[in-house]
């Protein structure tokens, strides 16, 4: 008798499929948001390093203006979770790379004079590079307490465009 009764089958199927469909929807939203933030992080880092590389020299005020532009570049996402580090890296004739100057927003700048190891093939002897690193700590909105924050990081290396090096002055 119960084998032929099909009145509640669709309700049971719906109850089984609903959690899976809801989880899929939340995962799609989270992945889409993470990809959008990743794109904003890449655009922010690339644009900041390019703006610095186009200058023959920089003052502290000009560099602060460039760093503050990150708020517009990252919009509509907040830069409160974003750490930005920019630096000039000089590579000597023997291939050792050191930090000429560095500044940061929401983080710690590189130490001036310290040794820096760029990826293989990026630095050439007797040249200067502009380095930019952007890190965004992404926490999915639906699961603030369930999931830890996930760092989205991009690093950029650009050669100065106008001069061989870009000095930073007060």
N, C-alpha and C. Protein backbone atom coordinates (compact mmCIF):
# COMPACT_ATOMS: atom_id res chain seq x y z
N UNK A 1 0.81 -1.18 0.00
CA UNK A 1 0.00 0.00 0.00
C UNK A 1 0.86 1.26 0.00
N UNK A 2 1.89 1.34 0.86
CA UNK A 2 2.75 2.53 0.91
C UNK A 2 3.68 2.62 -0.30
N UNK A 3 3.98 1.49 -0.94
CA UNK A 3 4.87 1.49 -2.09
C UNK A 3 4.27 2.27 -3.26
N UNK A 4 2.99 2.28 -3.39
CA UNK A 4 2.33 2.93 -4.52
C UNK A 4 1.90 4.36 -4.22
N UNK A 5 2.02 4.77 -2.97
CA UNK A 5 1.59 6.12 -2.59
C UNK A 5 2.73 7.10 -2.90
N UNK A 6 2.55 7.99 -3.88
CA UNK A 6 3.59 8.91 -4.33
C UNK A 6 3.26 10.36 -4.00
N UNK A 7 2.36 10.63 -3.09
CA UNK A 7 1.92 11.98 -2.80
C UNK A 7 3.03 12.85 -2.19
N UNK A 8 3.94 12.34 -1.41
CA UNK A 8 4.96 13.15 -0.75
C UNK A 8 6.35 13.07 -1.37
N UNK A 9 6.47 12.42 -2.51
CA UNK A 9 7.77 12.20 -3.13
C UNK A 9 8.42 13.52 -3.52
N UNK A 10 7.69 14.41 -4.15
CA UNK A 10 8.29 15.68 -4.58
C UNK A 10 8.72 16.53 -3.38
N UNK A 11 7.99 16.47 -2.28
CA UNK A 11 8.37 17.22 -1.08
C UNK A 11 9.67 16.67 -0.50
N UNK A 12 9.80 15.36 -0.47
CA UNK A 12 11.02 14.74 0.04
C UNK A 12 12.20 15.06 -0.87
N UNK A 13 12.00 15.00 -2.19
CA UNK A 13 13.07 15.34 -3.13
C UNK A 13 13.51 16.79 -2.97
N UNK A 14 12.55 17.68 -2.82
CA UNK A 14 12.86 19.10 -2.62
C UNK A 14 13.66 19.30 -1.33
N UNK A 15 13.25 18.62 -0.28
CA UNK A 15 13.96 18.73 1.01
C UNK A 15 15.39 18.21 0.90
N UNK A 16 15.62 17.23 0.06
CA UNK A 16 16.98 16.71 -0.12
C UNK A 16 17.83 17.60 -1.01
N UNK A 17 17.24 18.24 -2.02
CA UNK A 17 17.98 19.05 -2.98
C UNK A 17 18.23 20.47 -2.47
N UNK A 18 17.34 21.01 -1.66
CA UNK A 18 17.44 22.41 -1.21
C UNK A 18 18.78 22.74 -0.53
N UNK A 19 19.27 21.96 0.43
CA UNK A 19 20.56 22.31 1.04
C UNK A 19 21.71 22.31 0.04
N UNK A 20 21.69 21.39 -0.88
CA UNK A 20 22.75 21.33 -1.89
C UNK A 20 22.68 22.55 -2.80
N UNK A 21 21.48 22.92 -3.21
CA UNK A 21 21.31 24.09 -4.08
C UNK A 21 21.70 25.37 -3.35
N UNK A 22 21.34 25.49 -2.09
CA UNK A 22 21.70 26.68 -1.30
C UNK A 22 23.21 26.77 -1.12
N UNK A 23 23.87 25.66 -0.83
CA UNK A 23 25.32 25.65 -0.66
C UNK A 23 26.02 26.00 -1.98
N UNK A 24 25.52 25.50 -3.08
CA UNK A 24 26.08 25.83 -4.39
C UNK A 24 25.95 27.32 -4.68
N UNK A 25 24.81 27.91 -4.36
CA UNK A 25 24.60 29.33 -4.58
C UNK A 25 25.56 30.18 -3.74
N UNK A 26 25.73 29.81 -2.48
CA UNK A 26 26.63 30.55 -1.60
C UNK A 26 28.08 30.41 -2.08
N UNK A 27 28.47 29.22 -2.51
CA UNK A 27 29.84 29.01 -3.01
C UNK A 27 30.08 29.81 -4.29
N UNK A 28 29.10 29.87 -5.18
CA UNK A 28 29.24 30.66 -6.40
C UNK A 28 29.39 32.14 -6.07
N UNK A 29 28.61 32.63 -5.13
CA UNK A 29 28.71 34.03 -4.74
C UNK A 29 30.08 34.33 -4.13
N UNK A 30 30.54 33.47 -3.25
CA UNK A 30 31.84 33.67 -2.59
C UNK A 30 32.98 33.62 -3.60
N UNK A 31 32.96 32.67 -4.51
CA UNK A 31 34.00 32.57 -5.52
C UNK A 31 33.98 33.79 -6.44
N UNK A 32 32.80 34.23 -6.82
CA UNK A 32 32.69 35.42 -7.66
C UNK A 32 33.23 36.66 -6.97
N UNK A 33 32.93 36.81 -5.70
CA UNK A 33 33.43 37.96 -4.94
C UNK A 33 34.95 37.88 -4.80
N UNK A 34 35.48 36.70 -4.51
CA UNK A 34 36.94 36.54 -4.38
C UNK A 34 37.64 36.83 -5.70
N UNK A 35 37.07 36.42 -6.81
CA UNK A 35 37.66 36.72 -8.12
C UNK A 35 37.62 38.20 -8.43
N UNK A 36 36.53 38.87 -8.07
CA UNK A 36 36.43 40.32 -8.29
C UNK A 36 37.46 41.06 -7.44
N UNK A 37 37.64 40.65 -6.20
CA UNK A 37 38.64 41.28 -5.34
C UNK A 37 40.04 40.99 -5.87
N UNK A 38 40.28 39.78 -6.33
CA UNK A 38 41.58 39.44 -6.90
C UNK A 38 41.91 40.34 -8.07
N UNK A 39 40.93 40.60 -8.90
CA UNK A 39 41.13 41.49 -10.06
C UNK A 39 41.43 42.91 -9.60
N UNK A 40 40.72 43.39 -8.58
CA UNK A 40 40.96 44.74 -8.05
C UNK A 40 42.36 44.85 -7.44
N UNK A 41 42.80 43.80 -6.75
CA UNK A 41 44.14 43.79 -6.17
C UNK A 41 45.19 43.88 -7.27
N UNK A 42 45.01 43.12 -8.34
CA UNK A 42 45.96 43.15 -9.45
C UNK A 42 45.97 44.52 -10.13
N UNK A 43 44.80 45.10 -10.36
CA UNK A 43 44.71 46.42 -10.98
C UNK A 43 45.36 47.47 -10.10
N UNK A 44 45.12 47.41 -8.80
CA UNK A 44 45.69 48.38 -7.87
C UNK A 44 47.21 48.31 -7.88
N UNK A 45 47.76 47.12 -7.75
CA UNK A 45 49.21 46.98 -7.73
C UNK A 45 49.87 47.38 -9.03
N UNK A 46 49.30 46.97 -10.13
CA UNK A 46 49.87 47.31 -11.44
C UNK A 46 49.83 48.82 -11.68
N UNK A 47 48.71 49.45 -11.34
CA UNK A 47 48.57 50.88 -11.57
C UNK A 47 49.50 51.69 -10.68
N UNK A 48 49.62 51.33 -9.39
CA UNK A 48 50.50 52.08 -8.49
C UNK A 48 51.97 51.98 -8.93
N UNK A 49 52.42 50.78 -9.27
CA UNK A 49 53.82 50.65 -9.70
C UNK A 49 54.05 51.37 -11.03
N UNK A 50 53.08 51.35 -11.91
CA UNK A 50 53.22 52.05 -13.18
C UNK A 50 53.25 53.57 -12.99
N UNK A 51 52.42 54.09 -12.08
CA UNK A 51 52.44 55.53 -11.81
C UNK A 51 53.79 55.98 -11.25
N UNK A 52 54.37 55.16 -10.40
CA UNK A 52 55.69 55.49 -9.84
C UNK A 52 56.77 55.38 -10.92
N UNK A 53 56.69 54.34 -11.75
CA UNK A 53 57.72 54.12 -12.78
C UNK A 53 57.73 55.21 -13.84
N UNK A 54 56.67 55.94 -14.00
CA UNK A 54 56.59 57.01 -15.01
C UNK A 54 57.23 58.32 -14.55
N UNK A 55 57.64 58.41 -13.31
CA UNK A 55 58.17 59.65 -12.76
C UNK A 55 59.69 59.68 -12.84
N UNK A 56 60.30 60.84 -13.11
CA UNK A 56 61.76 60.93 -13.07
C UNK A 56 62.28 60.98 -11.63
N UNK A 57 61.46 61.50 -10.72
CA UNK A 57 61.79 61.53 -9.29
C UNK A 57 60.48 61.65 -8.54
N UNK A 58 60.55 61.40 -7.23
CA UNK A 58 59.35 61.45 -6.38
C UNK A 58 59.64 62.23 -5.11
N UNK A 59 58.61 62.92 -4.63
CA UNK A 59 58.68 63.50 -3.29
C UNK A 59 57.77 62.65 -2.40
N UNK A 60 57.94 62.80 -1.11
CA UNK A 60 57.09 62.07 -0.15
C UNK A 60 55.62 62.39 -0.40
N UNK A 61 55.32 63.66 -0.67
CA UNK A 61 53.95 64.08 -0.91
C UNK A 61 53.37 63.41 -2.16
N UNK A 62 54.15 63.36 -3.22
CA UNK A 62 53.68 62.73 -4.46
C UNK A 62 53.46 61.23 -4.26
N UNK A 63 54.36 60.60 -3.52
CA UNK A 63 54.22 59.17 -3.26
C UNK A 63 52.99 58.90 -2.40
N UNK A 64 52.74 59.74 -1.40
CA UNK A 64 51.53 59.58 -0.58
C UNK A 64 50.27 59.75 -1.42
N UNK A 65 50.28 60.68 -2.36
CA UNK A 65 49.13 60.86 -3.24
C UNK A 65 48.90 59.61 -4.09
N UNK A 66 49.97 59.03 -4.59
CA UNK A 66 49.85 57.80 -5.39
C UNK A 66 49.32 56.66 -4.54
N UNK A 67 49.85 56.51 -3.32
CA UNK A 67 49.37 55.46 -2.43
C UNK A 67 47.91 55.67 -2.05
N UNK A 68 47.52 56.92 -1.84
CA UNK A 68 46.12 57.22 -1.49
C UNK A 68 45.16 56.95 -2.64
N UNK A 69 45.67 56.93 -3.86
CA UNK A 69 44.83 56.61 -5.02
C UNK A 69 44.34 55.17 -4.98
N UNK A 70 44.94 54.35 -4.15
CA UNK A 70 44.52 52.95 -4.06
C UNK A 70 43.06 52.83 -3.62
N UNK A 71 42.56 53.80 -2.86
CA UNK A 71 41.16 53.75 -2.43
C UNK A 71 40.21 53.82 -3.63
N UNK A 72 40.56 54.65 -4.61
CA UNK A 72 39.72 54.74 -5.81
C UNK A 72 39.91 53.52 -6.71
N UNK A 73 41.13 53.01 -6.76
CA UNK A 73 41.39 51.85 -7.61
C UNK A 73 40.72 50.59 -7.08
N UNK A 74 40.65 50.45 -5.78
CA UNK A 74 40.07 49.25 -5.17
C UNK A 74 38.56 49.32 -5.00
N UNK A 75 37.97 50.50 -5.21
CA UNK A 75 36.53 50.67 -5.03
C UNK A 75 35.77 49.66 -5.88
N UNK A 76 34.71 49.10 -5.38
CA UNK A 76 33.92 49.41 -4.19
C UNK A 76 34.39 48.68 -2.94
N UNK A 77 35.53 48.00 -2.99
CA UNK A 77 36.03 47.27 -1.83
C UNK A 77 36.87 48.19 -0.96
N UNK A 78 36.82 47.96 0.32
CA UNK A 78 37.55 48.80 1.28
C UNK A 78 39.05 48.49 1.24
N UNK A 79 39.85 49.52 1.46
CA UNK A 79 41.30 49.30 1.53
C UNK A 79 41.75 49.04 2.97
N UNK A 80 40.81 48.93 3.89
CA UNK A 80 41.17 48.64 5.28
C UNK A 80 41.83 47.27 5.41
N UNK A 81 41.43 46.32 4.58
CA UNK A 81 42.03 44.98 4.59
C UNK A 81 43.17 44.83 3.59
N UNK A 82 43.59 45.95 2.99
CA UNK A 82 44.59 45.91 1.93
C UNK A 82 45.92 46.48 2.42
N UNK A 83 46.99 45.72 2.26
CA UNK A 83 48.33 46.18 2.59
C UNK A 83 49.09 46.41 1.29
N UNK A 84 49.66 47.61 1.17
CA UNK A 84 50.40 47.97 -0.04
C UNK A 84 51.82 48.32 0.33
N UNK A 85 52.78 47.75 -0.37
CA UNK A 85 54.19 48.08 -0.18
C UNK A 85 54.76 48.43 -1.55
N UNK A 86 55.41 49.58 -1.64
CA UNK A 86 56.12 49.97 -2.87
C UNK A 86 57.57 50.24 -2.50
N UNK A 87 58.46 49.98 -3.45
CA UNK A 87 59.88 50.16 -3.17
C UNK A 87 60.66 50.32 -4.47
N UNK A 88 61.82 50.94 -4.35
CA UNK A 88 62.79 50.97 -5.43
C UNK A 88 63.88 49.98 -5.07
N UNK A 89 64.18 49.07 -5.98
CA UNK A 89 65.18 48.04 -5.75
C UNK A 89 66.33 48.23 -6.73
N UNK A 90 67.53 48.34 -6.21
CA UNK A 90 68.72 48.53 -7.05
C UNK A 90 69.53 47.24 -7.06
N UNK A 91 69.89 46.81 -8.26
CA UNK A 91 70.72 45.62 -8.42
C UNK A 91 72.10 46.07 -8.88
N UNK A 92 73.14 45.68 -8.13
CA UNK A 92 74.50 46.12 -8.49
C UNK A 92 75.08 45.21 -9.58
N UNK A 93 76.30 45.50 -9.96
CA UNK A 93 76.96 44.77 -11.06
C UNK A 93 77.14 43.28 -10.75
N UNK A 94 77.26 42.94 -9.47
CA UNK A 94 77.43 41.53 -9.11
C UNK A 94 76.09 40.80 -8.95
N UNK A 95 74.96 41.51 -9.12
CA UNK A 95 73.65 40.87 -9.09
C UNK A 95 72.95 40.90 -7.75
N UNK A 96 73.52 41.59 -6.76
CA UNK A 96 72.87 41.67 -5.45
C UNK A 96 71.86 42.82 -5.47
N UNK A 97 70.65 42.57 -5.03
CA UNK A 97 69.57 43.56 -5.04
C UNK A 97 69.33 44.06 -3.63
N UNK A 98 69.30 45.40 -3.49
CA UNK A 98 69.02 46.02 -2.21
C UNK A 98 67.88 47.03 -2.35
N UNK A 99 67.26 47.34 -1.23
CA UNK A 99 66.15 48.29 -1.19
C UNK A 99 66.71 49.70 -1.11
N UNK A 100 66.39 50.55 -2.11
CA UNK A 100 66.83 51.94 -2.11
C UNK A 100 65.92 52.78 -1.22
N UNK A 101 64.61 52.64 -1.39
CA UNK A 101 63.61 53.27 -0.54
C UNK A 101 62.34 52.43 -0.59
N UNK A 102 61.51 52.56 0.43
CA UNK A 102 60.26 51.81 0.47
C UNK A 102 59.25 52.54 1.34
N UNK A 103 57.99 52.45 0.95
CA UNK A 103 56.89 53.02 1.73
C UNK A 103 55.74 52.02 1.72
N UNK A 104 54.86 52.17 2.70
CA UNK A 104 53.76 51.23 2.82
C UNK A 104 52.48 51.94 3.23
N UNK A 105 51.38 51.30 2.93
CA UNK A 105 50.07 51.75 3.41
C UNK A 105 49.43 50.55 4.10
N UNK A 106 49.05 50.72 5.35
CA UNK A 106 48.42 49.67 6.18
C UNK A 106 49.36 48.49 6.44
N UNK A 107 50.65 48.74 6.47
CA UNK A 107 51.58 47.65 6.71
C UNK A 107 52.97 48.17 7.00
N UNK A 108 53.95 47.31 6.87
CA UNK A 108 55.33 47.65 7.15
C UNK A 108 56.11 47.72 5.84
N UNK A 109 56.82 48.82 5.66
CA UNK A 109 57.65 48.98 4.46
C UNK A 109 58.89 48.11 4.58
N UNK A 110 59.53 47.87 3.44
CA UNK A 110 60.80 47.15 3.45
C UNK A 110 61.86 48.03 4.08
N UNK A 111 62.87 47.44 4.66
CA UNK A 111 63.94 48.18 5.31
C UNK A 111 64.93 48.69 4.27
N UNK A 112 65.15 50.01 4.26
CA UNK A 112 66.09 50.61 3.33
C UNK A 112 67.49 50.05 3.56
N UNK A 113 68.14 49.66 2.47
CA UNK A 113 69.48 49.08 2.55
C UNK A 113 69.50 47.58 2.73
N UNK A 114 68.35 46.97 2.99
CA UNK A 114 68.32 45.52 3.19
C UNK A 114 68.39 44.79 1.85
N UNK A 115 68.83 43.55 1.90
CA UNK A 115 68.90 42.72 0.71
C UNK A 115 67.51 42.23 0.36
N UNK A 116 67.21 42.21 -0.92
CA UNK A 116 65.91 41.76 -1.41
C UNK A 116 66.16 40.71 -2.48
N UNK A 117 65.39 39.64 -2.47
CA UNK A 117 65.57 38.58 -3.46
C UNK A 117 64.36 38.55 -4.39
N UNK A 118 64.48 39.15 -5.57
CA UNK A 118 63.38 39.10 -6.55
C UNK A 118 63.33 37.72 -7.20
N UNK A 119 62.24 37.40 -7.87
CA UNK A 119 62.17 36.12 -8.59
C UNK A 119 63.29 36.00 -9.62
N UNK A 120 63.68 34.80 -9.91
CA UNK A 120 64.75 34.55 -10.87
C UNK A 120 64.42 35.16 -12.23
N UNK A 121 65.39 35.88 -12.78
CA UNK A 121 65.24 36.47 -14.10
C UNK A 121 64.61 37.84 -14.13
N UNK A 122 64.18 38.36 -12.98
CA UNK A 122 63.52 39.67 -12.95
C UNK A 122 64.54 40.79 -12.88
N UNK A 123 65.51 40.68 -12.00
CA UNK A 123 66.51 41.74 -11.83
C UNK A 123 67.71 41.49 -12.73
N UNK A 124 68.17 42.56 -13.37
CA UNK A 124 69.39 42.50 -14.18
C UNK A 124 70.45 43.34 -13.50
N UNK A 125 71.69 43.02 -13.75
CA UNK A 125 72.81 43.74 -13.13
C UNK A 125 72.78 45.21 -13.51
N UNK A 126 73.08 46.06 -12.53
CA UNK A 126 73.20 47.51 -12.71
C UNK A 126 71.89 48.16 -13.17
N UNK A 127 70.76 47.69 -12.64
CA UNK A 127 69.47 48.29 -12.97
C UNK A 127 68.66 48.53 -11.70
N UNK A 128 67.59 49.29 -11.87
CA UNK A 128 66.66 49.56 -10.78
C UNK A 128 65.28 49.05 -11.17
N UNK A 129 64.58 48.51 -10.21
CA UNK A 129 63.21 48.06 -10.40
C UNK A 129 62.30 48.77 -9.41
N UNK A 130 61.07 49.02 -9.84
CA UNK A 130 60.04 49.49 -8.91
C UNK A 130 59.23 48.26 -8.54
N UNK A 131 59.14 48.00 -7.25
CA UNK A 131 58.45 46.83 -6.72
C UNK A 131 57.16 47.29 -6.06
N UNK A 132 56.10 46.57 -6.32
CA UNK A 132 54.83 46.83 -5.66
C UNK A 132 54.21 45.52 -5.23
N UNK A 133 53.74 45.47 -4.00
CA UNK A 133 53.08 44.28 -3.48
C UNK A 133 51.77 44.71 -2.85
N UNK A 134 50.69 44.03 -3.23
CA UNK A 134 49.38 44.32 -2.68
C UNK A 134 48.84 43.02 -2.10
N UNK A 135 48.37 43.10 -0.86
CA UNK A 135 47.81 41.93 -0.17
C UNK A 135 46.46 42.31 0.41
N UNK A 136 45.45 41.53 0.11
CA UNK A 136 44.09 41.76 0.61
C UNK A 136 43.67 40.55 1.43
N UNK A 137 43.27 40.77 2.67
CA UNK A 137 42.79 39.68 3.52
C UNK A 137 41.29 39.53 3.29
N UNK A 138 40.92 38.51 2.52
CA UNK A 138 39.52 38.30 2.16
C UNK A 138 38.87 37.33 3.12
N UNK A 139 37.76 37.75 3.70
CA UNK A 139 36.94 36.89 4.54
C UNK A 139 35.55 36.84 3.91
N UNK A 140 35.07 35.64 3.55
CA UNK A 140 33.74 35.55 2.96
C UNK A 140 32.68 36.11 3.90
N UNK A 141 31.79 36.92 3.37
CA UNK A 141 30.78 37.58 4.18
C UNK A 141 29.80 36.65 4.86
N UNK A 142 29.49 35.52 4.24
CA UNK A 142 28.49 34.62 4.81
C UNK A 142 29.04 33.79 5.96
N UNK A 143 30.34 33.65 6.05
CA UNK A 143 30.92 32.73 7.03
C UNK A 143 32.07 33.38 7.78
N UNK A 144 31.83 34.55 8.33
CA UNK A 144 32.89 35.29 9.01
C UNK A 144 33.48 34.47 10.16
N UNK A 145 32.64 33.74 10.86
CA UNK A 145 33.14 32.96 12.00
C UNK A 145 33.52 31.53 11.61
N UNK A 146 33.08 31.08 10.45
CA UNK A 146 33.35 29.70 10.05
C UNK A 146 34.65 29.54 9.29
N UNK A 147 34.97 30.51 8.43
CA UNK A 147 36.15 30.41 7.58
C UNK A 147 37.18 31.47 7.96
N UNK A 148 38.46 31.12 7.91
CA UNK A 148 39.48 32.13 8.18
C UNK A 148 39.63 33.08 6.99
N UNK A 149 40.29 34.20 7.22
CA UNK A 149 40.54 35.11 6.09
C UNK A 149 41.55 34.45 5.15
N UNK A 150 41.41 34.77 3.88
CA UNK A 150 42.26 34.20 2.84
C UNK A 150 43.04 35.33 2.20
N UNK A 151 44.37 35.26 2.18
CA UNK A 151 45.14 36.34 1.57
C UNK A 151 45.16 36.26 0.05
N UNK A 152 44.84 37.37 -0.59
CA UNK A 152 44.96 37.48 -2.04
C UNK A 152 46.13 38.43 -2.28
N UNK A 153 47.20 37.94 -2.87
CA UNK A 153 48.44 38.70 -2.98
C UNK A 153 48.94 38.74 -4.42
N UNK A 154 49.42 39.90 -4.82
CA UNK A 154 50.08 40.06 -6.11
C UNK A 154 51.32 40.92 -5.91
N UNK A 155 52.40 40.58 -6.61
CA UNK A 155 53.63 41.37 -6.58
C UNK A 155 53.96 41.79 -8.01
N UNK A 156 54.45 43.01 -8.16
CA UNK A 156 54.75 43.57 -9.48
C UNK A 156 56.15 44.15 -9.49
N UNK A 157 56.84 44.01 -10.61
CA UNK A 157 58.17 44.56 -10.82
C UNK A 157 58.14 45.31 -12.15
N UNK A 158 58.48 46.61 -12.10
CA UNK A 158 58.44 47.45 -13.29
C UNK A 158 59.75 48.22 -13.39
N UNK A 159 60.29 48.34 -14.59
CA UNK A 159 61.47 49.16 -14.80
C UNK A 159 61.06 50.63 -14.86
N UNK A 160 61.88 51.54 -14.32
CA UNK A 160 61.58 52.97 -14.47
C UNK A 160 61.54 53.32 -15.96
N UNK A 161 60.62 54.21 -16.34
CA UNK A 161 60.42 54.50 -17.75
C UNK A 161 61.21 55.71 -18.25
N UNK A 162 61.46 56.69 -17.38
CA UNK A 162 62.07 57.94 -17.82
C UNK A 162 63.56 58.00 -17.48
N UNK A 163 63.92 57.52 -16.31
CA UNK A 163 65.31 57.55 -15.85
C UNK A 163 65.75 56.15 -15.43
N UNK A 164 67.03 56.00 -15.15
CA UNK A 164 67.51 54.69 -14.74
C UNK A 164 67.13 54.35 -13.30
N UNK A 165 66.90 55.38 -12.47
CA UNK A 165 66.44 55.17 -11.09
C UNK A 165 65.52 56.32 -10.71
N UNK A 166 64.70 56.11 -9.70
CA UNK A 166 63.75 57.12 -9.26
C UNK A 166 64.07 57.46 -7.80
N UNK A 167 64.72 58.60 -7.58
CA UNK A 167 65.03 58.99 -6.20
C UNK A 167 63.78 59.48 -5.48
N UNK A 168 63.75 59.27 -4.17
CA UNK A 168 62.66 59.75 -3.32
C UNK A 168 63.22 60.83 -2.42
N UNK A 169 62.64 62.03 -2.51
CA UNK A 169 63.11 63.16 -1.71
C UNK A 169 62.00 63.68 -0.81
N UNK A 170 62.40 64.46 0.18
CA UNK A 170 61.40 65.05 1.07
C UNK A 170 60.86 66.26 0.39
